[in-house]
N, C-alpha and C. Protein backbone atom coordinates (compact mmCIF):
# COMPACT_ATOMS: atom_id res chain seq x y z
N MET A 1 -3.69 -61.55 -10.37
CA MET A 1 -3.68 -60.57 -11.43
C MET A 1 -5.00 -59.79 -11.40
N THR A 2 -4.92 -58.50 -11.63
CA THR A 2 -6.10 -57.64 -11.63
C THR A 2 -6.79 -57.69 -12.98
N ASP A 3 -8.10 -57.80 -12.94
CA ASP A 3 -8.89 -57.80 -14.17
C ASP A 3 -9.13 -56.35 -14.58
N THR A 4 -8.45 -55.88 -15.62
CA THR A 4 -8.57 -54.48 -16.04
C THR A 4 -9.77 -54.25 -16.96
N THR A 5 -10.46 -55.29 -17.37
CA THR A 5 -11.57 -55.10 -18.30
C THR A 5 -12.90 -54.87 -17.59
N THR A 6 -13.04 -55.31 -16.35
CA THR A 6 -14.31 -55.20 -15.65
C THR A 6 -14.84 -53.77 -15.57
N PRO A 7 -14.04 -52.77 -15.17
CA PRO A 7 -14.58 -51.41 -15.08
C PRO A 7 -14.97 -50.83 -16.44
N LEU A 8 -14.50 -51.41 -17.53
CA LEU A 8 -14.77 -50.85 -18.84
C LEU A 8 -15.85 -51.59 -19.61
N GLN A 9 -16.42 -52.63 -19.04
CA GLN A 9 -17.41 -53.40 -19.76
C GLN A 9 -18.62 -52.57 -20.18
N HIS A 10 -19.00 -51.60 -19.37
CA HIS A 10 -20.15 -50.78 -19.70
C HIS A 10 -19.94 -49.94 -20.95
N THR A 11 -18.71 -49.71 -21.37
CA THR A 11 -18.45 -48.87 -22.53
C THR A 11 -18.80 -49.56 -23.84
N ASP A 12 -18.98 -50.88 -23.82
CA ASP A 12 -19.31 -51.59 -25.05
C ASP A 12 -20.64 -51.11 -25.64
N GLN A 13 -21.52 -50.62 -24.82
CA GLN A 13 -22.86 -50.25 -25.28
C GLN A 13 -23.07 -48.75 -25.30
N GLN A 14 -22.04 -47.97 -25.07
CA GLN A 14 -22.18 -46.53 -25.01
C GLN A 14 -21.24 -45.86 -26.01
N THR A 15 -21.62 -44.65 -26.38
CA THR A 15 -20.74 -43.83 -27.20
C THR A 15 -19.58 -43.39 -26.31
N PRO A 16 -18.35 -43.46 -26.80
CA PRO A 16 -17.22 -43.03 -25.98
C PRO A 16 -17.39 -41.60 -25.47
N THR A 17 -16.94 -41.36 -24.26
CA THR A 17 -16.99 -40.05 -23.65
C THR A 17 -16.02 -39.12 -24.37
N ARG A 18 -16.45 -37.91 -24.64
CA ARG A 18 -15.57 -36.91 -25.25
C ARG A 18 -15.25 -35.85 -24.20
N THR A 19 -13.99 -35.72 -23.86
CA THR A 19 -13.53 -34.82 -22.81
C THR A 19 -12.89 -33.58 -23.44
N PRO A 20 -13.39 -32.39 -23.10
CA PRO A 20 -12.80 -31.17 -23.65
C PRO A 20 -11.52 -30.79 -22.90
N LEU A 21 -10.82 -29.80 -23.42
CA LEU A 21 -9.71 -29.20 -22.69
C LEU A 21 -10.31 -28.38 -21.56
N PHE A 22 -9.58 -28.22 -20.47
CA PHE A 22 -10.06 -27.37 -19.38
C PHE A 22 -8.88 -26.56 -18.87
N TYR A 23 -8.95 -25.25 -19.09
CA TYR A 23 -7.92 -24.35 -18.57
C TYR A 23 -8.53 -22.96 -18.44
N GLY A 24 -7.93 -22.16 -17.60
CA GLY A 24 -8.43 -20.81 -17.40
C GLY A 24 -9.83 -20.78 -16.80
N GLY A 25 -10.21 -21.84 -16.12
CA GLY A 25 -11.51 -21.89 -15.45
C GLY A 25 -12.68 -22.25 -16.35
N ARG A 26 -12.41 -22.69 -17.57
CA ARG A 26 -13.54 -23.07 -18.42
C ARG A 26 -13.14 -24.16 -19.42
N GLU A 27 -14.16 -24.77 -20.01
CA GLU A 27 -13.95 -25.81 -21.01
C GLU A 27 -13.63 -25.19 -22.36
N HIS A 28 -12.79 -25.89 -23.12
CA HIS A 28 -12.44 -25.47 -24.47
C HIS A 28 -12.63 -26.69 -25.37
N HIS A 29 -13.57 -26.60 -26.30
CA HIS A 29 -13.85 -27.71 -27.21
C HIS A 29 -13.05 -27.55 -28.49
N THR A 30 -12.63 -28.65 -29.04
CA THR A 30 -11.83 -28.62 -30.27
C THR A 30 -12.41 -29.61 -31.28
N ASP A 31 -12.05 -29.42 -32.54
CA ASP A 31 -12.47 -30.35 -33.58
C ASP A 31 -11.57 -31.58 -33.62
N GLN A 32 -10.33 -31.43 -33.17
CA GLN A 32 -9.37 -32.53 -33.16
C GLN A 32 -9.45 -33.30 -31.85
N THR A 33 -9.42 -34.62 -31.92
CA THR A 33 -9.46 -35.44 -30.71
C THR A 33 -8.41 -36.54 -30.76
N LEU A 34 -8.12 -37.08 -29.59
CA LEU A 34 -7.24 -38.23 -29.43
C LEU A 34 -8.09 -39.39 -28.91
N ARG A 35 -7.94 -40.55 -29.51
CA ARG A 35 -8.69 -41.73 -29.04
C ARG A 35 -8.05 -42.27 -27.78
N ILE A 36 -8.87 -42.60 -26.80
CA ILE A 36 -8.42 -43.24 -25.58
C ILE A 36 -8.89 -44.69 -25.65
N THR A 37 -7.93 -45.62 -25.55
CA THR A 37 -8.27 -47.03 -25.67
C THR A 37 -8.04 -47.78 -24.37
N ASN A 38 -8.69 -48.90 -24.26
CA ASN A 38 -8.54 -49.80 -23.12
C ASN A 38 -7.18 -50.49 -23.28
N PRO A 39 -6.27 -50.33 -22.33
CA PRO A 39 -4.95 -50.97 -22.46
C PRO A 39 -5.02 -52.49 -22.54
N ALA A 40 -6.03 -53.07 -21.95
CA ALA A 40 -6.18 -54.52 -22.00
C ALA A 40 -6.78 -54.99 -23.31
N ASN A 41 -7.40 -54.06 -24.05
CA ASN A 41 -8.02 -54.38 -25.34
C ASN A 41 -7.90 -53.14 -26.22
N PRO A 42 -6.75 -52.91 -26.83
CA PRO A 42 -6.50 -51.67 -27.58
C PRO A 42 -7.49 -51.38 -28.71
N SER A 43 -8.24 -52.35 -29.15
CA SER A 43 -9.23 -52.08 -30.20
C SER A 43 -10.50 -51.47 -29.61
N GLN A 44 -10.62 -51.45 -28.28
CA GLN A 44 -11.80 -50.90 -27.62
C GLN A 44 -11.56 -49.43 -27.27
N VAL A 45 -12.26 -48.54 -27.95
CA VAL A 45 -12.16 -47.11 -27.67
C VAL A 45 -13.09 -46.80 -26.49
N VAL A 46 -12.52 -46.22 -25.44
CA VAL A 46 -13.31 -45.93 -24.24
C VAL A 46 -13.55 -44.44 -24.05
N GLY A 47 -12.94 -43.62 -24.89
CA GLY A 47 -13.16 -42.19 -24.79
C GLY A 47 -12.38 -41.43 -25.83
N GLU A 48 -12.65 -40.13 -25.86
CA GLU A 48 -11.93 -39.22 -26.73
C GLU A 48 -11.55 -38.00 -25.91
N ALA A 49 -10.35 -37.51 -26.10
CA ALA A 49 -9.89 -36.31 -25.41
C ALA A 49 -9.60 -35.25 -26.46
N ALA A 50 -9.94 -34.03 -26.14
CA ALA A 50 -9.67 -32.93 -27.06
C ALA A 50 -8.16 -32.80 -27.27
N ALA A 51 -7.77 -32.56 -28.49
CA ALA A 51 -6.36 -32.35 -28.82
C ALA A 51 -6.13 -30.86 -28.95
N ALA A 52 -5.20 -30.34 -28.18
CA ALA A 52 -4.93 -28.91 -28.18
C ALA A 52 -4.07 -28.50 -29.37
N SER A 53 -4.39 -27.34 -29.92
CA SER A 53 -3.52 -26.74 -30.93
C SER A 53 -2.33 -26.10 -30.21
N ARG A 54 -1.37 -25.65 -30.96
CA ARG A 54 -0.21 -24.98 -30.36
C ARG A 54 -0.67 -23.75 -29.58
N ASP A 55 -1.56 -22.96 -30.17
CA ASP A 55 -2.05 -21.75 -29.50
C ASP A 55 -2.80 -22.09 -28.21
N GLN A 56 -3.61 -23.14 -28.25
CA GLN A 56 -4.33 -23.54 -27.04
C GLN A 56 -3.38 -24.02 -25.95
N ALA A 57 -2.34 -24.73 -26.35
CA ALA A 57 -1.34 -25.18 -25.37
C ALA A 57 -0.66 -23.98 -24.72
N LEU A 58 -0.32 -22.98 -25.52
CA LEU A 58 0.31 -21.77 -24.97
C LEU A 58 -0.66 -21.01 -24.06
N GLU A 59 -1.94 -20.96 -24.43
CA GLU A 59 -2.95 -20.32 -23.58
C GLU A 59 -3.06 -21.06 -22.24
N ALA A 60 -3.03 -22.39 -22.29
CA ALA A 60 -3.13 -23.19 -21.06
C ALA A 60 -1.93 -22.95 -20.16
N VAL A 61 -0.74 -22.87 -20.75
CA VAL A 61 0.47 -22.59 -19.96
C VAL A 61 0.36 -21.21 -19.33
N GLY A 62 -0.11 -20.23 -20.10
CA GLY A 62 -0.29 -18.88 -19.58
C GLY A 62 -1.30 -18.84 -18.43
N ALA A 63 -2.40 -19.59 -18.58
CA ALA A 63 -3.40 -19.64 -17.52
C ALA A 63 -2.84 -20.29 -16.26
N ALA A 64 -2.01 -21.32 -16.44
CA ALA A 64 -1.41 -21.99 -15.28
C ALA A 64 -0.43 -21.06 -14.57
N LYS A 65 0.38 -20.35 -15.35
CA LYS A 65 1.32 -19.40 -14.73
C LYS A 65 0.58 -18.33 -13.96
N LYS A 66 -0.48 -17.80 -14.56
CA LYS A 66 -1.28 -16.76 -13.90
C LYS A 66 -1.89 -17.28 -12.60
N ALA A 67 -2.35 -18.53 -12.62
CA ALA A 67 -2.99 -19.12 -11.45
C ALA A 67 -2.00 -19.32 -10.30
N PHE A 68 -0.72 -19.51 -10.62
CA PHE A 68 0.26 -19.79 -9.59
C PHE A 68 1.21 -18.64 -9.27
N LEU A 69 1.00 -17.51 -9.91
CA LEU A 69 1.83 -16.34 -9.59
C LEU A 69 1.50 -15.84 -8.20
N PRO A 70 2.51 -15.42 -7.45
CA PRO A 70 2.22 -14.89 -6.12
C PRO A 70 1.40 -13.61 -6.23
N GLY A 71 0.50 -13.45 -5.31
CA GLY A 71 -0.34 -12.26 -5.29
C GLY A 71 -1.10 -12.19 -3.98
N PRO A 72 -1.88 -11.15 -3.82
CA PRO A 72 -2.65 -11.02 -2.58
C PRO A 72 -3.67 -12.13 -2.43
N LEU A 73 -3.87 -12.57 -1.21
CA LEU A 73 -4.86 -13.61 -0.95
C LEU A 73 -6.19 -13.02 -0.61
């Protein structure tokens, strides 16, 4: 059985990492976040991820479509 707690032991003494949204080639910070927990120990928060609003989600979809539209190289 794999020990899933070993890579996360260092988080006990650190503030959880806060990860922003990233789309359109830049970071987007939000006030709302989602807690990321250690699956082996759900009470252990190992990070926070930015939670997108509806408008931010639509912007991200638009940026992805623009990035993958055919065009000159």
